[in-house]
Protein backbone atom coordinates (compact mmCIF):
# COMPACT_ATOMS: atom_id res chain seq x y z
CA MET A 1 39.19 8.56 28.10
CA TYR A 2 38.10 7.30 31.82
CA ASN A 3 35.66 10.42 32.25
CA LYS A 4 34.77 9.93 28.84
CA TYR A 5 33.76 6.42 30.07
CA MET A 6 31.79 7.58 33.46
CA CYS A 7 30.29 10.29 31.79
CA TYR A 8 28.45 7.75 29.41
CA CYS A 9 27.78 5.71 31.93
CA GLU A 10 25.92 8.40 33.98
CA ASN A 11 24.31 9.44 31.20
CA SER A 12 23.04 5.99 29.49
CA ASP A 13 19.98 5.43 31.47
CA ALA A 14 18.60 8.36 30.49
CA THR A 15 19.18 7.86 26.63
CA LEU A 16 18.24 4.53 27.02
CA GLY A 17 15.27 5.31 28.62
CA LYS A 18 13.58 7.46 26.17
CA SER A 19 14.33 5.02 23.58
CA ILE A 20 12.50 2.04 25.66
CA ALA A 21 9.88 4.35 26.36
CA ASP A 22 9.92 5.50 22.98
CA ALA A 23 9.98 1.36 21.62
CA GLU A 24 7.06 0.57 23.86
CA ASN A 25 4.81 2.99 22.95
CA LYS A 26 6.02 2.29 19.50
CA ILE A 27 5.15 -1.82 19.70
CA PRO A 28 1.32 -1.02 20.63
CA GLN A 29 0.70 1.30 18.05
CA VAL A 30 2.74 -0.76 14.61
CA ASP A 31 0.46 -3.91 16.42
CA SER A 32 -2.55 -2.33 16.18
CA SER A 33 -1.76 -0.92 13.17
CA ILE A 34 -1.42 -5.11 12.13
CA LYS A 35 -4.47 -5.71 13.39
CA GLU A 36 -6.66 -3.49 11.39
CA SER A 37 -4.92 -4.31 8.34
CA VAL A 38 -5.34 -8.15 8.39
CA ALA A 39 -8.95 -7.00 9.17
CA MET A 40 -8.94 -4.84 6.22
CA LYS A 41 -7.78 -7.18 4.19
CA LYS A 42 -9.57 -9.99 4.93
CA GLN A 43 -12.82 -8.20 4.78
CA LEU A 44 -11.05 -6.95 1.13
CA ASP A 45 -10.98 -10.88 0.34
CA ALA A 46 -14.11 -11.42 0.82
CA ASP A 47 -15.86 -8.28 -0.87
CA VAL A 48 -13.68 -9.40 -3.85
CA LYS A 49 -14.44 -13.22 -3.79
CA GLU A 50 -18.55 -12.06 -3.33
CA ALA A 51 -17.79 -9.23 -6.04
CA GLN A 52 -16.38 -12.43 -8.16
CA THR A 53 -19.73 -14.70 -7.52
CA SER A 54 -21.93 -12.05 -8.25
CA ARG A 55 -20.44 -11.10 -11.64
CA ALA A 56 -20.29 -15.01 -12.28
CA ASP A 57 -24.13 -14.96 -11.42
CA ALA A 58 -24.89 -11.90 -13.85
CA LYS A 59 -22.46 -13.52 -16.99
CA ASP A 60 -24.71 -16.89 -15.94
CA THR A 61 -28.24 -14.81 -15.57
CA ILE A 62 -26.93 -13.63 -19.44
CA ALA A 63 -26.25 -16.93 -20.82
CA LYS A 64 -29.67 -18.38 -19.89
CA ALA A 65 -31.76 -15.04 -20.77
CA THR A 66 -29.94 -15.39 -24.31
CA ALA A 67 -30.82 -19.04 -24.64
CA LEU A 68 -34.29 -18.39 -23.79
CA ARG A 69 -34.63 -15.34 -26.10
CA GLU A 70 -33.14 -17.67 -28.62
CA LYS A 71 -35.77 -19.94 -28.35
CA GLU A 72 -38.36 -18.01 -27.71
CA SER A 73 -37.48 -15.98 -31.09
CA LYS A 74 -37.56 -19.42 -33.11
CA ALA A 75 -40.80 -20.22 -31.95
CA PHE A 76 -42.76 -16.77 -32.74
CA ALA A 77 -41.04 -16.93 -35.90
CA ALA A 78 -42.36 -20.20 -36.61
CA THR A 79 -46.00 -19.10 -35.33
CA LYS A 80 -45.43 -15.46 -37.48
CA SER A 81 -45.50 -17.76 -40.69
CA GLU A 82 -47.81 -20.27 -40.20
CA LEU A 83 -50.02 -17.16 -39.74
CA ASP A 84 -48.91 -15.24 -42.48
CA SER A 85 -49.49 -18.38 -44.78
CA ASN A 86 -53.12 -18.68 -43.59
CA ILE A 87 -54.47 -15.17 -43.30
CA GLY A 88 -52.98 -15.37 -47.06
CA ALA A 89 -55.06 -17.98 -48.11
CA LEU A 90 -58.17 -16.49 -45.68
CA SER A 91 -57.47 -13.37 -47.69
CA LYS A 92 -57.72 -15.16 -51.74
CA ALA A 93 -60.49 -17.42 -50.29
CA ILE A 94 -62.81 -14.76 -49.20
CA PRO A 95 -62.87 -12.39 -51.94
CA ALA A 96 -63.07 -15.54 -54.65
CA ILE A 97 -66.18 -17.16 -52.59
CA GLU A 98 -67.67 -13.84 -52.71
CA LYS A 99 -67.59 -13.50 -56.38
CA GLY A 100 -68.59 -17.07 -56.57
CA MET A 101 -65.31 -18.14 -58.03
CA SER A 102 -65.22 -21.01 -55.58
CA GLY A 103 -65.00 -23.39 -57.78
CA ALA A 104 -61.79 -22.24 -59.35
CA PHE A 105 -60.48 -21.15 -55.93
CA LEU A 106 -60.50 -24.78 -55.17
CA GLN A 107 -58.65 -26.24 -57.03
CA THR A 108 -55.26 -23.44 -56.13
CA ASN A 109 -52.72 -23.86 -53.34
CA ALA A 110 -54.75 -21.35 -51.17
CA ALA A 111 -57.46 -24.30 -50.91
CA ALA A 112 -55.09 -27.12 -49.39
CA VAL A 113 -53.90 -23.89 -46.74
CA LEU A 114 -57.87 -24.15 -46.18
CA ARG A 115 -57.94 -27.60 -45.89
CA GLN A 116 -55.45 -28.24 -42.97
CA ILE A 117 -56.71 -24.73 -41.46
CA SER A 118 -60.46 -26.82 -41.33
CA LEU A 119 -58.48 -29.41 -39.65
CA SER A 120 -56.45 -27.62 -36.77
CA ALA A 121 -58.18 -24.17 -36.28
CA ASP A 122 -60.39 -24.00 -33.67
CA MET A 123 -63.66 -23.97 -34.45
CA ILE A 124 -67.09 -25.39 -33.45
CA PRO A 125 -67.93 -28.77 -35.00
CA ALA A 126 -70.85 -27.23 -37.66
CA ASP A 127 -68.58 -24.67 -38.45
CA ARG A 128 -66.02 -27.01 -39.34
CA ASP A 129 -68.52 -29.69 -41.26
CA MET A 130 -69.69 -26.75 -43.16
CA LEU A 131 -66.27 -25.91 -44.30
CA THR A 132 -64.52 -29.36 -45.26
CA SER A 133 -67.55 -30.07 -47.38
CA PHE A 134 -67.51 -27.02 -49.47
CA LEU A 135 -63.51 -27.60 -49.78
CA SER A 136 -64.48 -30.71 -51.08
CA ALA A 137 -67.14 -30.09 -53.09
CA SER A 138 -66.46 -30.40 -56.66
CA GLY A 139 -68.29 -27.78 -58.93
CA GLU A 140 -69.41 -24.86 -58.48
CA TYR A 141 -70.68 -23.95 -54.98
CA VAL A 142 -74.01 -22.39 -54.45
CA PRO A 143 -75.65 -23.28 -51.38
CA LYS A 144 -74.80 -21.40 -48.66
CA SER A 145 -71.37 -18.98 -49.64
CA GLN A 146 -72.80 -16.49 -47.48
CA GLU A 147 -71.96 -18.79 -44.22
CA ILE A 148 -68.53 -19.71 -45.57
CA VAL A 149 -67.87 -16.61 -46.36
CA GLY A 150 -68.48 -15.36 -42.23
CA ILE A 151 -66.80 -18.73 -41.25
CA LEU A 152 -63.40 -17.42 -43.09
CA LYS A 153 -63.66 -13.89 -41.95
CA THR A 154 -64.02 -15.41 -38.79
CA LEU A 155 -61.44 -17.55 -38.57
CA LYS A 156 -59.32 -14.38 -40.42
CA ASP A 157 -59.85 -11.84 -37.51
CA GLU A 158 -59.04 -14.50 -34.94
CA MET A 159 -55.39 -15.22 -37.00
CA GLU A 160 -55.11 -11.37 -37.41
CA LYS A 161 -55.68 -11.01 -33.30
CA ASP A 162 -53.45 -14.01 -32.56
CA LEU A 163 -50.90 -12.59 -34.76
CA SER A 164 -51.13 -8.97 -33.62
CA ASP A 165 -50.42 -10.23 -30.01
CA ALA A 166 -47.76 -13.03 -31.09
CA THR A 167 -45.68 -9.88 -31.79
CA GLY A 168 -47.01 -7.23 -29.20
CA ALA A 169 -45.62 -10.43 -26.60
CA GLU A 170 -42.41 -10.93 -29.21
CA ASP A 171 -41.89 -6.84 -28.76
CA SER A 172 -42.22 -7.52 -24.67
CA ALA A 173 -39.76 -10.09 -24.52
CA ILE A 174 -37.86 -8.47 -27.00
CA ALA A 175 -37.40 -4.97 -24.40
CA SER A 176 -37.44 -6.90 -21.11
CA PHE A 177 -34.28 -8.97 -22.87
CA ASP A 178 -32.47 -5.63 -23.80
CA SER A 179 -32.74 -4.37 -20.25
CA LEU A 180 -32.27 -7.46 -18.79
CA VAL A 181 -28.59 -7.26 -20.73
CA ALA A 182 -27.91 -4.19 -20.04
CA SER A 183 -28.59 -3.80 -16.59
CA LYS A 184 -26.91 -7.19 -16.12
CA LYS A 185 -24.01 -5.51 -17.99
CA LYS A 186 -23.63 -2.30 -15.82
CA GLU A 187 -23.17 -4.56 -13.09
CA ILE A 188 -20.42 -6.75 -14.68
CA GLU A 189 -18.79 -3.52 -15.51
CA ALA A 190 -19.42 -2.31 -11.66
CA LEU A 191 -18.10 -5.91 -10.32
CA THR A 192 -14.95 -5.89 -12.78
CA LYS A 193 -14.06 -2.41 -11.51
CA ALA A 194 -15.15 -3.40 -7.60
CA ILE A 195 -12.57 -6.03 -8.18
CA GLU A 196 -9.57 -4.33 -9.89
CA SER A 197 -10.06 -1.78 -6.78
CA LYS A 198 -10.13 -4.16 -4.23
CA SER A 199 -6.97 -6.70 -5.37
CA ALA A 200 -4.94 -3.18 -6.15
CA ARG A 201 -5.54 -2.10 -1.75
CA ILE A 202 -5.16 -5.75 -1.00
CA GLY A 203 -1.80 -6.09 -2.48
CA SER A 204 -0.98 -2.61 -1.05
CA LEU A 205 -1.74 -4.07 2.39
CA GLY A 206 0.10 -7.25 1.69
CA VAL A 207 3.33 -4.85 1.45
CA LYS A 208 1.91 -3.13 4.52
CA ILE A 209 1.05 -5.59 6.66
CA ALA A 210 5.06 -7.36 6.02
CA GLU A 211 6.85 -3.56 6.12
CA MET A 212 4.75 -3.23 9.51
CA GLU A 213 5.08 -6.76 10.58
CA ASN A 214 9.03 -6.39 10.25
CA ASP A 215 9.17 -2.79 11.98
CA LEU A 216 7.76 -4.37 14.55
CA GLU A 217 10.27 -7.77 15.04
CA ASP A 218 13.09 -5.22 14.84
CA THR A 219 11.74 -2.39 17.75
CA GLN A 220 10.60 -5.67 19.63
CA GLU A 221 14.29 -6.58 19.23
CA SER A 222 15.52 -3.04 19.91
CA LEU A 223 13.79 -3.04 22.76
CA ALA A 224 14.83 -6.02 24.40
CA ASP A 225 18.90 -4.81 23.87
CA ASP A 226 18.26 -1.80 25.43
CA LYS A 227 16.56 -3.66 28.50
CA ALA A 228 19.70 -6.45 28.28
CA PHE A 229 22.45 -3.48 27.93
CA PRO A 230 21.67 -1.38 31.35
CA LYS A 231 22.58 -4.52 33.08
CA ASP A 232 25.92 -5.51 30.94
CA MET A 233 26.79 -1.25 31.43
CA SER A 234 26.20 -2.01 35.23
CA THR A 235 28.99 -4.16 35.06
CA ASN A 236 31.18 -2.63 32.49
CA CYS A 237 31.24 0.58 34.41
CA ASP A 238 31.99 -0.95 37.98
CA LEU A 239 34.59 -2.53 35.97
CA LYS A 240 36.54 0.33 34.77
CA LYS A 241 36.42 2.42 38.09
CA SER A 242 38.33 -0.65 39.69
CA GLU A 243 40.96 -0.84 37.08
CA TRP A 244 40.96 2.78 36.96
CA ALA A 245 41.27 3.04 40.87
CA GLU A 246 43.92 0.25 40.52
CA TYR A 247 46.01 2.31 37.72
CA LYS A 248 45.86 5.45 40.35
CA ARG A 249 47.15 3.22 42.92
CA VAL A 250 49.75 2.52 40.53
CA GLU A 251 50.37 5.71 39.20
CA ALA A 252 50.67 6.91 43.10
CA LEU A 253 52.93 4.48 43.08
CA GLU A 254 55.47 5.27 40.37
CA LEU A 255 54.78 8.75 41.37
CA VAL A 256 56.72 8.41 44.82
CA ALA A 257 59.55 6.16 43.16
CA LEU A 258 60.49 8.82 40.83
CA ALA A 259 60.28 11.83 43.96
CA ASP A 260 62.51 9.11 45.56
CA THR A 261 64.64 8.84 42.51
CA ILE A 262 64.73 12.75 41.54
CA LYS A 263 65.81 13.33 45.92
CA VAL A 264 68.40 10.74 44.84
CA LEU A 265 70.04 12.41 41.59
CA ASN A 266 69.31 15.98 43.45
CA ASP A 267 72.01 14.83 46.32
CA ASP A 268 75.17 16.68 46.67
CA ASP A 269 76.65 13.24 46.79
CA ALA A 270 75.01 12.10 43.04
CA LEU A 271 76.37 15.14 41.78
CA GLU A 272 79.86 14.68 42.69
CA LEU A 273 79.66 11.36 41.99
CA PHE A 274 78.07 12.09 38.18
CA LYS A 275 80.99 15.18 37.90
CA LYS A 276 83.64 12.17 38.11
CA THR A 277 82.31 10.45 35.41
CA LEU A 278 82.84 13.22 33.00
CA PRO A 279 85.66 13.36 31.27
CA SER A 280 85.83 17.55 31.34
CA SER A 281 83.63 19.15 34.17
CA ALA A 282 82.83 22.32 32.77
CA SER A 283 82.38 22.48 29.32
CA SER A 284 81.46 18.73 28.47
CA SER A 285 78.31 19.31 31.57
CA PHE A 286 77.46 21.97 29.61
CA VAL A 287 77.47 20.82 25.92
CA GLN A 288 75.29 18.33 27.19
CA MET A 289 72.89 20.58 28.61
CA LYS A 290 72.54 22.50 25.74
CA VAL A 291 72.32 18.91 23.13
CA SER A 292 69.25 17.83 25.40
CA GLN A 293 67.66 21.09 25.54
CA GLY A 294 67.85 21.58 21.58
CA SER A 295 66.79 18.38 20.94
CA MET A 296 64.22 18.38 23.00
CA ARG A 297 63.22 21.37 21.15
CA GLN A 298 63.31 20.24 17.75
CA HIS A 299 61.24 16.84 18.86
CA ALA A 300 58.54 19.19 19.82
CA LEU A 301 58.09 20.85 16.53
CA ASN A 302 58.43 17.40 14.87
CA ILE A 303 54.91 17.00 16.76
CA LEU A 304 53.48 19.81 15.55
CA LYS A 305 54.22 19.49 12.31
CA VAL A 306 52.77 16.10 12.32
CA THR A 307 50.12 17.56 13.74
CA HIS A 308 49.39 20.16 10.82
CA LYS A 309 49.58 17.10 8.36
CA LYS A 310 47.14 15.53 10.18
CA GLN A 311 44.58 18.68 10.50
CA GLN A 312 42.21 19.83 7.36
CA LYS A 313 42.36 23.56 8.25
CA SER A 314 45.85 25.09 10.76
CA ASP A 315 44.98 26.50 13.83
CA PRO A 316 46.75 29.50 14.35
CA ARG A 317 47.58 29.34 17.99
CA LEU A 318 49.72 25.81 17.35
CA ASP A 319 51.32 27.99 14.63
CA PHE A 320 52.36 30.78 17.10
CA ILE A 321 53.57 27.83 19.19
CA GLU A 322 55.51 27.07 16.80
CA MET A 323 56.92 30.06 15.57
CA ALA A 324 57.97 30.86 19.34
CA MET A 325 59.61 27.75 19.31
CA HIS A 326 61.75 28.68 16.20
CA GLY A 327 62.78 31.93 17.66
CA GLY A 328 64.53 29.77 20.57
CA LYS A 329 64.70 33.10 22.89
CA ILE A 330 61.38 32.26 24.92
CA GLY A 331 62.06 29.16 27.60
CA PHE A 332 60.05 25.76 27.79
CA ASP A 333 58.49 26.39 30.48
CA LYS A 334 56.68 29.99 28.79
CA ILE A 335 56.29 27.67 25.96
CA ILE A 336 54.33 24.95 28.08
CA LYS A 337 52.03 27.29 30.33
CA MET A 338 51.45 28.22 26.21
CA ILE A 339 50.18 24.50 25.33
CA ASP A 340 48.75 24.65 28.79
CA GLY A 341 46.46 27.03 27.83
CA LEU A 342 46.22 25.78 24.56
CA VAL A 343 44.41 22.68 26.05
CA VAL A 344 42.42 24.48 28.42
CA ASP A 345 40.63 26.08 25.36
CA LEU A 346 40.64 22.82 22.74
CA LYS A 347 38.92 21.63 26.34
CA LYS A 348 36.43 23.89 26.45
CA GLU A 349 35.74 23.90 22.14
CA GLN A 350 36.09 19.64 22.76
CA ASP A 351 32.81 20.83 25.79
CA THR A 352 30.86 23.36 23.36
CA ASP A 353 31.17 21.08 20.40
CA ASP A 354 29.93 18.35 22.58
CA GLU A 355 26.53 20.42 23.85
CA LYS A 356 25.93 21.22 20.08
CA LYS A 357 26.30 17.14 19.09
CA THR A 358 24.14 16.60 21.67
CA TYR A 359 21.31 19.29 21.34
CA CYS A 360 21.47 18.18 17.57
CA LEU A 361 20.66 14.59 18.33
CA ALA A 362 17.98 15.39 20.05
CA GLU A 363 16.38 18.05 18.14
CA LEU A 364 16.77 15.24 15.10
CA ASP A 365 14.89 12.72 17.09
CA LYS A 366 12.05 15.13 17.85
CA SER A 367 11.71 15.63 14.17
CA GLU A 368 11.77 11.93 13.71
CA ASP A 369 8.91 11.64 15.95
CA LYS A 370 7.15 14.19 14.28
CA HIS A 371 7.41 12.90 10.71
CA LYS A 372 6.36 9.22 11.92
CA GLY A 373 3.07 10.88 13.46
CA LEU A 374 2.70 12.89 10.38
CA GLU A 375 3.01 9.62 8.03
CA LEU A 376 0.57 7.82 10.77
CA ASP A 377 -2.00 10.76 10.24
CA ILE A 378 -1.46 10.80 6.51
CA SER A 379 -1.93 6.96 6.33
CA ASP A 380 -5.31 6.77 8.56
CA LEU A 381 -6.90 9.99 6.29
CA ASN A 382 -5.69 7.81 3.09
CA LYS A 383 -7.42 4.72 4.91
CA ALA A 384 -10.31 6.61 5.81
CA ILE A 385 -10.86 8.64 2.09
CA ALA A 386 -10.77 4.71 0.55
CA ASP A 387 -13.50 3.65 3.15
CA GLU A 388 -15.38 6.37 1.65
CA GLU A 389 -15.04 5.86 -1.94
CA GLU A 390 -15.53 2.23 -1.13
CA SER A 391 -19.20 3.14 0.25
CA ILE A 392 -20.09 5.25 -2.10
CA ALA A 393 -19.22 2.62 -5.12
CA THR A 394 -21.05 0.68 -3.10
CA LEU A 395 -23.95 2.80 -2.43
CA LYS A 396 -23.89 3.49 -7.08
CA LEU A 397 -23.91 -0.15 -6.90
CA ALA A 398 -26.61 -0.97 -4.92
CA CYS A 399 -28.58 2.16 -6.56
CA GLU A 400 -28.12 0.20 -10.29
CA ARG A 401 -29.27 -2.97 -8.89
CA SER A 402 -32.63 -1.65 -7.87
CA GLN A 403 -33.09 1.17 -10.65
CA CYS A 404 -33.07 3.72 -7.69
CA PRO A 405 -36.35 3.49 -7.09
CA ASN A 406 -36.22 5.74 -3.83
CA ARG A 407 -35.13 9.38 -4.36
CA SER A 408 -33.26 9.67 -0.97
CA LEU A 409 -31.23 7.11 -1.73
CA GLN A 410 -29.74 8.35 -5.05
CA ASP A 411 -28.91 10.87 -3.24
CA ASP A 412 -27.61 10.19 -0.69
CA ALA A 413 -25.02 8.25 -2.69
C-alpha cells in the first residue's frame, strides 16, 4: 500500500499537470464562445424587435390605405351616380329639343335635372342665362333651339369626359391599392417568418449560453481544486513518508526482539526446561509437533477455500497449491516457495493490468478531447450556416421591398 501511495505521489504531478493545462486551454475558449453567443443573442433580439416594428408599420399602412380606399370609393360612387343622372337627362333632352318637343320635355323629370345642372354646371354666363330662359319658358320654344342643343351637347361631352376621367382614376387607385396591399402582405409574411426563426434561435442560444456558463463554472472550480491539490498532496506524501519511516523503525526493533527470542528458545538451557515441563518426553513432543503442523496445513486450506469463493473465476495455480497441500507429501518449504512464486506472478500481472489501465485512460482522454473538438467544429459550422441563411433571407426581403430594380442584386440573392 505504501508503494502504491508513493507511486501516486510521484505521478500525480503529470496527471494533474495535464488536467490543469486542459482546463486553462478550455476556459478561454468557452469564455469566448459565451461572449460570441451573447453578442449573437443581443443582435437577434434587436433584429426581432426591428422586424416586429416593421411588421406593425406594414399592418398600419394597410389599415390606413384601406380606410382611404373606402373613402375614395364612396366619393367615386357619388360622383358617378351624379354624372350618370346628368348624362341621362342630357341624352333625353337633346333629341327632344332637336325634334321640336321641348314643351313636352320641360314637363318631365329630366327637365328638373337640367334645371339643377344649369345652376351647378361650369359654363359661361351667357350660356347659363340662355339655358335658364329655355328651361323656364312656358310653351313651345322655337327661337334659338340650335344654340340650346349645342350648349347641352357641350355639357354632355364634358360630363362624359369627367366620368371617363373619374373612372380611370378610380381604376388606377384600385390597382395601386391592390399592389400596395399585396406588397405589404408579402412583407408581413417574410417578417413573421424571420421573427419566428430568430425567436427559435434566441431560445436555443439562451439554453446554450446557460450550459456553457455552467461548464465554465465547473471547469474553473475543477482548475482551482487541481491547483490546490498538489499542496495538500505534498503534505500528505511527506506525512506518509514519516509514518513509513517510523513503521520501519518499529518493525526493525520487533525483528531484533524476535531474533533474540528465537535465540533464547533455541538455547540448550531452554530446551532442557521445556523437556522437564512435558509429561512424557519423546512421544508427547512428537504428538504436539504433528498436531501443530496439521493445524497449520488445515488453516492454509481454509484460507484457499475462502479465496476460491471470493473469486469469480478459478485460478489453476491456486488449485495446484491446494492439491499439493491435500496430498501431504510435499513439505511446507516447497509449498511456501510455490506461494512466493505465485505472488511474484500475480504482482507482474497486476503491473501489466495497471499499464493497460493507464493506456486505456489516456486513450479515453484523447478520444474525449477529439470528440469535444469535433463538437466545437460542428457548432461553428452550424453557426456559419445559420448566418448565411439569415443573410439570404435579408437579401430576399430587401429584394421584395424594392421589387428588385437591380437585376444583379436579385442574382446575388
